[in-house]
Amino acid sequence: MAPLRDRLPRLLVAIRSLLFWSLVYGYCGLCASFYLLKLLWSIGTGPTQTFRRAARDHPPAGLNDPSLGTHCYVRIKDSGLRFHYVAAGERGKPLMLLLHGFPEFWYSWRYQLREFKSNYRVVALDLRGYGETDAPLHRENYKLDCLITDIKDILDFLGYSKCVLIGHDWGGMIAWLIAICYPEMVMKLIVLNFPHPNVFTEYILRHPAQLFKSSYYYFFQIPWFPEFMFSINDFKALRHLFTGHSTGPGRKGCPLTTEDLEACIYVFSQPGALSGPINHYRNIFSYLPLKHPMVITPTLLLWGEKDAFMEAEMAEVTKIYVQNYFRLTILSEASHWLQQEQPDIVNKLIWTFLKEETRKKD
């Protein structure tokens, strides 16, 4: 009996791992089947339209708007990758580092670049694989520890030891991880529409509704097919994310202008531009949940109540992982694209948090 009792904990871990990966790959197959049917339907009803793609040889003017800041590049010695970022505000001021989500790039922070440059050196980064930043070919180059190291290297290059760190969506995931792994680098943490990574992992396994909303995480595990599905019908799926009735900005929000939308389509329509962003998701299930998940940085979590991809209950649960001042603000009628849709409100909430004297929890 004793040997069996000793092996039981390991057996339970093995069973749990088997069930977890069965869920992952089973749901991958289900998602692939669903999107394959969508593809066949599209080809059957309009084959010419399905494979149509407009020529986009020149970037929209908004991407070179000088009021947003200066376009800069840096090549990181250790990784060999060249990163692109847009910087506004005087050098030497405290650093505010902005990390975008999917499918976005530095331009999603255009309102914040203008707003905070008076008091901060504001840097909106194109993450690894996005926009004008280099995109390694293999999925192994997008492991979470690589993404974390990128931010640390960027901070070192900019000449800062710490910053105000702001992340939205997948950029929020990276921001949480930076605050956990390198708390000394983060003066204040601000996350938009992404819960603590462990909350996301645990919640998705217990709530079928969130599992359904996060189906794209599973679909993205499949090689090349997700990139193809995003590109058909002249990137119709990409447009729908920002303009759809359920996925786009809420009724009281600021819709993306035609120029804003074309800027996004232009960036992701470049050859190979979708593989890097989607590769970010292809390693996630090997890293979560985190073994050491606590955050000791003052934290502001902003959440759009009408987020089509994340349930608001996860925001409430997140506070158990923050061992410091924690503020949660849920914006009614706001969607997932918070900083673009409600820039005035978001900027005001960020200013308030930055000016607050925050004290660690007892």
Protein backbone atom coordinates (compact mmCIF):
# COMPACT_ATOMS: atom_id res chain seq x y z
CA MET A 1 0.00 0.00 0.00
CA ALA A 2 2.83 2.40 0.86
CA PRO A 3 4.38 2.42 -2.65
CA LEU A 4 0.94 3.05 -4.16
CA ARG A 5 0.33 5.91 -1.72
CA ASP A 6 3.70 7.42 -2.65
CA ARG A 7 2.93 7.23 -6.37
CA LEU A 8 -0.59 8.63 -6.05
CA PRO A 9 0.34 12.35 -6.13
CA ARG A 10 2.42 11.84 -9.28
CA LEU A 11 -0.37 9.80 -10.84
CA LEU A 12 -2.88 12.58 -10.15
CA VAL A 13 -0.56 15.14 -11.72
CA ALA A 14 -0.15 12.92 -14.79
CA ILE A 15 -3.93 12.46 -15.10
CA ARG A 16 -4.55 16.18 -14.74
CA SER A 17 -1.91 16.92 -17.38
CA LEU A 18 -3.46 14.35 -19.72
CA LEU A 19 -6.92 15.86 -19.29
CA PHE A 20 -5.58 19.38 -19.82
CA TRP A 21 -3.77 18.56 -23.06
CA SER A 22 -6.71 16.46 -24.25
CA LEU A 23 -8.86 19.55 -23.82
CA VAL A 24 -6.36 21.75 -25.63
CA TYR A 25 -5.91 19.51 -28.66
CA GLY A 26 -9.53 18.39 -28.73
CA TYR A 27 -10.71 21.99 -28.81
CA CYS A 28 -8.04 22.80 -31.43
CA GLY A 29 -9.55 20.15 -33.67
CA LEU A 30 -13.07 21.45 -33.07
CA CYS A 31 -12.05 25.02 -33.89
CA ALA A 32 -10.18 23.90 -37.00
CA SER A 33 -13.26 22.03 -38.23
CA PHE A 34 -15.47 25.08 -37.66
CA TYR A 35 -13.17 27.44 -39.56
CA LEU A 36 -12.69 24.91 -42.35
CA LEU A 37 -16.46 24.86 -42.84
CA LYS A 38 -16.45 28.67 -42.93
CA LEU A 39 -13.75 28.58 -45.59
CA LEU A 40 -15.64 26.05 -47.72
CA TRP A 41 -18.82 28.11 -47.40
CA SER A 42 -16.96 31.26 -48.46
CA ILE A 43 -15.43 29.53 -51.47
CA GLY A 44 -18.78 28.04 -52.42
CA THR A 45 -20.68 31.32 -52.26
CA GLY A 46 -18.02 33.62 -53.69
CA PRO A 47 -14.70 32.09 -54.78
CA THR A 48 -13.43 35.28 -56.44
CA GLN A 49 -14.22 37.39 -53.39
CA THR A 50 -12.64 34.83 -51.04
CA PHE A 51 -9.20 35.17 -52.58
CA ARG A 52 -9.37 38.87 -53.40
CA ARG A 53 -6.78 41.14 -51.85
CA ALA A 54 -6.39 44.87 -52.47
CA ALA A 55 -2.95 46.30 -53.21
CA ARG A 56 -1.48 48.30 -50.33
CA ASP A 57 1.85 49.71 -51.43
CA HIS A 58 2.01 52.80 -49.22
CA PRO A 59 1.24 53.26 -45.51
CA PRO A 60 -1.70 55.49 -44.55
CA ALA A 61 -0.66 59.01 -43.58
CA GLY A 62 -1.66 58.49 -39.93
CA LEU A 63 1.24 56.12 -39.38
CA ASN A 64 3.66 58.98 -40.02
CA ASP A 65 1.80 61.65 -38.05
CA PRO A 66 4.57 63.68 -36.34
CA SER A 67 2.24 64.63 -33.47
CA LEU A 68 2.37 61.01 -32.28
CA GLY A 69 6.12 60.98 -31.76
CA THR A 70 9.36 59.88 -33.37
CA HIS A 71 9.89 56.50 -35.04
CA CYS A 72 12.94 54.79 -33.57
CA TYR A 73 14.74 51.47 -33.99
CA VAL A 74 17.04 49.45 -31.77
CA ARG A 75 18.88 46.20 -32.39
CA ILE A 76 19.19 44.09 -29.27
CA LYS A 77 22.62 42.51 -29.03
CA ASP A 78 21.70 39.21 -27.36
CA SER A 79 18.67 38.32 -29.51
CA GLY A 80 19.91 40.06 -32.65
CA LEU A 81 16.39 41.39 -33.27
CA ARG A 82 15.61 44.91 -34.42
CA PHE A 83 12.72 46.54 -32.53
CA HIS A 84 10.61 49.45 -33.68
CA TYR A 85 8.99 51.92 -31.32
CA VAL A 86 7.45 55.38 -31.35
CA ALA A 87 8.59 57.76 -28.63
CA ALA A 88 7.07 61.04 -27.45
CA GLY A 89 8.10 63.36 -24.64
CA GLU A 90 11.49 64.57 -23.52
CA ARG A 91 14.34 62.20 -22.82
CA GLY A 92 15.14 62.01 -19.15
CA LYS A 93 11.55 62.19 -17.98
CA PRO A 94 10.15 59.08 -16.24
CA LEU A 95 9.52 56.26 -18.71
CA MET A 96 6.02 55.07 -19.61
CA LEU A 97 6.23 51.88 -21.67
CA LEU A 98 3.16 50.81 -23.65
CA LEU A 99 2.58 47.19 -24.77
CA HIS A 100 -0.15 46.57 -27.34
CA GLY A 101 -2.41 43.56 -27.82
CA PHE A 102 -3.58 41.45 -30.77
CA PRO A 103 -4.27 42.35 -33.54
CA GLU A 104 -2.77 45.74 -32.82
CA PHE A 105 0.61 47.47 -32.92
CA TRP A 106 2.13 50.70 -31.58
CA TYR A 107 -0.61 52.81 -33.22
CA SER A 108 -3.25 51.54 -30.77
CA TRP A 109 -1.63 53.88 -28.19
CA ARG A 110 -1.92 57.04 -30.34
CA TYR A 111 -4.15 58.81 -27.82
CA GLN A 112 -1.82 57.97 -24.92
CA LEU A 113 1.30 59.08 -26.81
CA ARG A 114 -0.21 62.54 -27.15
CA GLU A 115 -1.68 62.66 -23.65
CA PHE A 116 1.21 61.65 -21.39
CA LYS A 117 4.21 63.14 -23.22
CA SER A 118 3.98 66.27 -21.06
CA ASN A 119 5.14 64.37 -17.97
CA TYR A 120 6.70 61.18 -19.33
CA ARG A 121 8.98 59.77 -21.97
CA VAL A 122 6.25 57.68 -23.60
CA VAL A 123 7.35 54.68 -25.67
CA ALA A 124 4.88 52.58 -27.67
CA LEU A 125 6.64 49.40 -28.75
CA ASP A 126 5.97 47.03 -31.62
CA LEU A 127 6.28 43.68 -29.84
CA ARG A 128 8.41 40.89 -31.27
CA GLY A 129 6.88 39.78 -34.57
CA TYR A 130 4.64 42.83 -34.97
CA GLY A 131 4.76 45.76 -37.37
CA GLU A 132 8.28 46.93 -38.15
CA THR A 133 9.88 44.84 -35.41
CA ASP A 134 11.70 41.73 -36.60
CA ALA A 135 9.67 38.51 -36.74
CA PRO A 136 11.62 35.27 -36.15
CA LEU A 137 10.23 32.37 -38.14
CA HIS A 138 9.92 29.62 -35.53
CA ARG A 139 7.32 29.45 -32.77
CA GLU A 140 10.05 28.64 -30.22
CA ASN A 141 11.25 32.23 -30.62
CA TYR A 142 7.98 33.45 -29.09
CA LYS A 143 8.13 31.67 -25.75
CA LEU A 144 7.00 33.82 -22.85
CA ASP A 145 10.48 34.06 -21.38
CA CYS A 146 11.72 35.51 -24.70
CA LEU A 147 8.97 38.13 -24.64
CA ILE A 148 9.80 39.05 -21.06
CA THR A 149 13.50 39.38 -21.88
CA ASP A 150 12.65 41.67 -24.81
CA ILE A 151 11.06 44.20 -22.45
CA LYS A 152 14.00 44.05 -20.06
CA ASP A 153 16.43 44.60 -22.95
CA ILE A 154 14.41 47.54 -24.30
CA LEU A 155 14.40 49.15 -20.87
CA ASP A 156 18.19 48.74 -20.62
CA PHE A 157 18.70 50.23 -24.07
CA LEU A 158 16.52 53.23 -23.27
CA GLY A 159 18.69 53.88 -20.22
CA TYR A 160 16.04 53.22 -17.58
CA SER A 161 15.98 50.85 -14.63
CA LYS A 162 12.21 51.15 -14.07
CA CYS A 163 9.07 52.44 -15.71
CA VAL A 164 5.33 52.86 -15.57
CA LEU A 165 4.24 49.76 -17.47
CA ILE A 166 0.94 49.70 -19.36
CA GLY A 167 -0.35 46.71 -21.32
CA HIS A 168 -3.54 45.90 -23.19
CA ASP A 169 -4.80 42.40 -24.08
CA TRP A 170 -1.75 40.22 -24.89
CA GLY A 171 0.45 43.17 -23.95
CA GLY A 172 -1.35 43.01 -20.60
CA MET A 173 -0.28 39.38 -20.25
CA ILE A 174 3.35 40.39 -20.81
CA ALA A 175 2.98 43.33 -18.40
CA TRP A 176 1.72 41.00 -15.65
CA LEU A 177 4.69 38.68 -16.25
CA ILE A 178 7.20 41.54 -16.12
CA ALA A 179 5.72 42.74 -12.82
CA ILE A 180 5.96 39.20 -11.42
CA CYS A 181 9.47 38.38 -12.69
CA TYR A 182 11.08 41.82 -12.40
CA PRO A 183 9.10 43.81 -9.81
CA GLU A 184 11.98 46.24 -9.34
CA MET A 185 11.50 47.39 -12.96
CA VAL A 186 7.87 48.45 -12.55
CA MET A 187 6.96 51.57 -10.58
CA LYS A 188 3.26 51.15 -11.33
CA LEU A 189 1.43 48.55 -13.35
CA ILE A 190 -1.61 49.37 -15.48
CA VAL A 191 -3.41 46.60 -17.38
CA LEU A 192 -6.36 46.95 -19.73
CA ASN A 193 -8.70 44.04 -20.37
CA PHE A 194 -6.50 41.13 -19.34
CA PRO A 195 -6.70 39.34 -15.98
CA HIS A 196 -3.81 37.93 -14.01
CA PRO A 197 -2.45 34.98 -16.07
CA ASN A 198 -3.35 32.41 -13.43
CA VAL A 199 -6.90 33.73 -13.21
CA PHE A 200 -7.22 33.34 -16.97
CA THR A 201 -5.95 29.74 -16.91
CA GLU A 202 -8.07 28.61 -13.98
CA TYR A 203 -11.23 30.45 -15.07
CA ILE A 204 -11.19 29.14 -18.62
CA LEU A 205 -11.16 25.52 -17.39
CA ARG A 206 -14.21 26.07 -15.17
CA HIS A 207 -16.40 28.30 -17.33
CA PRO A 208 -17.50 27.05 -20.76
CA ALA A 209 -18.57 30.56 -21.80
CA GLN A 210 -15.01 31.86 -21.41
CA LEU A 211 -13.66 28.76 -23.14
CA PHE A 212 -15.86 29.63 -26.11
CA LYS A 213 -14.80 33.30 -26.05
CA SER A 214 -11.15 32.23 -26.01
CA SER A 215 -11.54 29.76 -28.88
CA TYR A 216 -9.03 31.71 -30.94
CA TYR A 217 -6.30 30.75 -28.44
CA TYR A 218 -6.89 27.13 -29.41
CA PHE A 219 -7.37 27.82 -33.10
CA PHE A 220 -4.01 29.61 -33.15
CA GLN A 221 -2.22 26.40 -32.09
CA ILE A 222 -2.72 25.07 -35.64
CA PRO A 223 0.10 25.82 -38.13
CA TRP A 224 -0.47 28.36 -41.00
CA PHE A 225 -4.27 27.89 -41.24
CA PRO A 226 -5.15 30.78 -38.87
CA GLU A 227 -2.95 33.16 -40.87
CA PHE A 228 -4.72 32.07 -44.05
CA MET A 229 -8.19 32.54 -42.56
CA PHE A 230 -7.34 36.07 -41.43
CA SER A 231 -6.18 36.99 -44.94
CA ILE A 232 -9.13 35.76 -47.03
CA ASN A 233 -11.79 38.18 -48.27
CA ASP A 234 -9.19 40.96 -48.09
CA PHE A 235 -8.72 40.55 -44.32
CA LYS A 236 -12.43 40.53 -43.57
CA ALA A 237 -11.91 38.73 -40.23
CA LEU A 238 -9.49 41.43 -39.11
CA ARG A 239 -11.94 44.16 -40.04
CA HIS A 240 -14.75 42.39 -38.23
CA LEU A 241 -12.83 42.38 -34.94
CA PHE A 242 -12.84 46.19 -34.92
CA THR A 243 -16.21 46.84 -36.53
CA GLY A 244 -18.46 43.88 -35.68
CA HIS A 245 -21.62 44.42 -33.64
CA SER A 246 -20.41 42.19 -30.79
CA THR A 247 -16.63 42.60 -31.11
CA GLY A 248 -16.18 46.26 -32.09
CA PRO A 249 -16.40 49.43 -29.98
CA GLY A 250 -19.55 49.97 -27.95
CA ARG A 251 -22.29 52.42 -28.87
CA LYS A 252 -20.87 55.14 -26.61
CA GLY A 253 -17.31 54.64 -27.74
CA CYS A 254 -15.23 56.18 -30.52
CA PRO A 255 -15.33 53.91 -33.58
CA LEU A 256 -12.14 53.46 -35.54
CA THR A 257 -11.98 55.86 -38.45
CA THR A 258 -11.48 54.53 -41.96
CA GLU A 259 -7.88 55.69 -41.76
CA ASP A 260 -7.33 53.95 -38.41
CA LEU A 261 -8.72 50.70 -39.77
CA GLU A 262 -6.68 50.94 -42.96
CA ALA A 263 -3.54 51.52 -40.88
CA CYS A 264 -4.18 48.23 -39.09
CA ILE A 265 -4.98 46.34 -42.30
CA TYR A 266 -1.90 47.80 -44.00
CA VAL A 267 0.43 46.55 -41.26
CA PHE A 268 -1.03 43.04 -41.10
CA SER A 269 -1.32 42.69 -44.89
CA GLN A 270 2.44 42.82 -45.38
CA PRO A 271 4.07 39.48 -46.37
CA GLY A 272 4.36 37.21 -43.33
CA ALA A 273 2.98 39.87 -40.98
CA LEU A 274 0.41 37.59 -39.32
CA SER A 275 2.69 34.69 -38.39
CA GLY A 276 4.70 36.53 -35.73
CA PRO A 277 1.65 37.82 -33.83
CA ILE A 278 -0.10 34.45 -33.92
CA ASN A 279 3.11 32.67 -32.85
CA HIS A 280 2.83 34.56 -29.55
CA TYR A 281 -0.11 32.32 -28.69
CA ARG A 282 1.48 29.04 -29.77
CA ASN A 283 3.49 28.53 -26.58
CA ILE A 284 1.07 29.77 -23.94
CA PHE A 285 -0.28 26.42 -22.72
CA SER A 286 3.20 25.19 -21.82
CA TYR A 287 3.79 28.08 -19.38
CA LEU A 288 0.57 28.57 -17.44
CA PRO A 289 -0.38 28.49 -14.66
CA LEU A 290 2.58 30.23 -13.02
CA LYS A 291 4.22 28.63 -9.99
CA HIS A 292 5.12 32.00 -8.41
CA PRO A 293 2.22 34.28 -9.35
CA MET A 294 2.16 37.11 -6.81
CA VAL A 295 2.42 40.77 -7.84
CA ILE A 296 3.92 43.28 -5.39
CA THR A 297 3.53 46.39 -7.58
CA PRO A 298 0.73 48.97 -7.20
CA THR A 299 -1.75 47.95 -9.87
CA LEU A 300 -4.61 49.50 -11.82
CA LEU A 301 -6.85 47.18 -13.84
CA LEU A 302 -9.20 48.79 -16.35
CA TRP A 303 -11.92 46.70 -17.95
CA GLY A 304 -14.54 47.22 -20.64
CA GLU A 305 -17.73 45.58 -19.42
CA LYS A 306 -18.82 44.69 -22.98
CA ASP A 307 -15.57 42.87 -23.79
CA ALA A 308 -16.48 40.14 -26.28
CA PHE A 309 -13.40 38.08 -25.46
CA MET A 310 -12.95 38.29 -21.67
CA GLU A 311 -15.58 37.90 -18.95
CA ALA A 312 -15.58 40.67 -16.35
CA GLU A 313 -15.66 38.22 -13.44
CA MET A 314 -11.99 37.48 -14.08
CA ALA A 315 -11.18 41.11 -13.31
CA GLU A 316 -12.76 40.79 -9.86
CA VAL A 317 -10.80 37.62 -9.07
CA THR A 318 -7.47 39.16 -10.10
CA LYS A 319 -7.10 41.14 -6.85
CA ILE A 320 -6.17 37.98 -4.88
CA TYR A 321 -2.83 37.90 -6.72
CA VAL A 322 -1.83 41.52 -5.99
CA GLN A 323 -0.05 42.01 -2.65
CA ASN A 324 -0.13 45.77 -2.93
CA TYR A 325 -2.52 48.60 -3.70
CA PHE A 326 -5.03 47.37 -6.28
CA ARG A 327 -7.72 49.34 -8.05
CA LEU A 328 -10.24 47.91 -10.48
CA THR A 329 -12.43 50.13 -12.68
CA ILE A 330 -15.00 48.54 -14.95
CA LEU A 331 -16.33 50.83 -17.68
CA SER A 332 -19.92 50.10 -18.59
CA GLU A 333 -20.73 50.00 -22.30
CA ALA A 334 -17.02 49.86 -23.16
CA SER A 335 -15.58 47.05 -25.28
CA HIS A 336 -12.28 45.21 -25.48
CA TRP A 337 -10.55 48.05 -27.38
CA LEU A 338 -10.55 50.27 -24.34
CA GLN A 339 -7.75 52.78 -24.88
CA GLN A 340 -8.83 53.44 -28.47
CA GLU A 341 -12.57 53.50 -27.79
CA GLN A 342 -12.69 55.52 -24.57
CA PRO A 343 -9.40 57.48 -24.65
CA ASP A 344 -10.54 60.46 -22.59
CA ILE A 345 -11.91 58.35 -19.75
CA VAL A 346 -8.99 55.92 -19.84
CA ASN A 347 -6.43 58.73 -19.81
CA LYS A 348 -8.17 60.43 -16.88
CA LEU A 349 -8.21 57.18 -14.87
CA ILE A 350 -4.52 56.62 -15.60
CA TRP A 351 -3.63 60.18 -14.54
CA THR A 352 -5.52 59.72 -11.27
CA PHE A 353 -3.73 56.46 -10.53
CA LEU A 354 -0.31 57.87 -11.38
CA LYS A 355 -0.80 60.83 -9.03
CA GLU A 356 -2.10 58.73 -6.14
CA GLU A 357 0.12 57.89 -3.22
CA THR A 358 -0.27 54.12 -3.14
CA ARG A 359 0.60 52.11 -0.08
CA LYS A 360 1.30 48.42 0.16
CA LYS A 361 -1.35 46.21 1.73
CA ASP A 362 -0.79 45.21 5.33
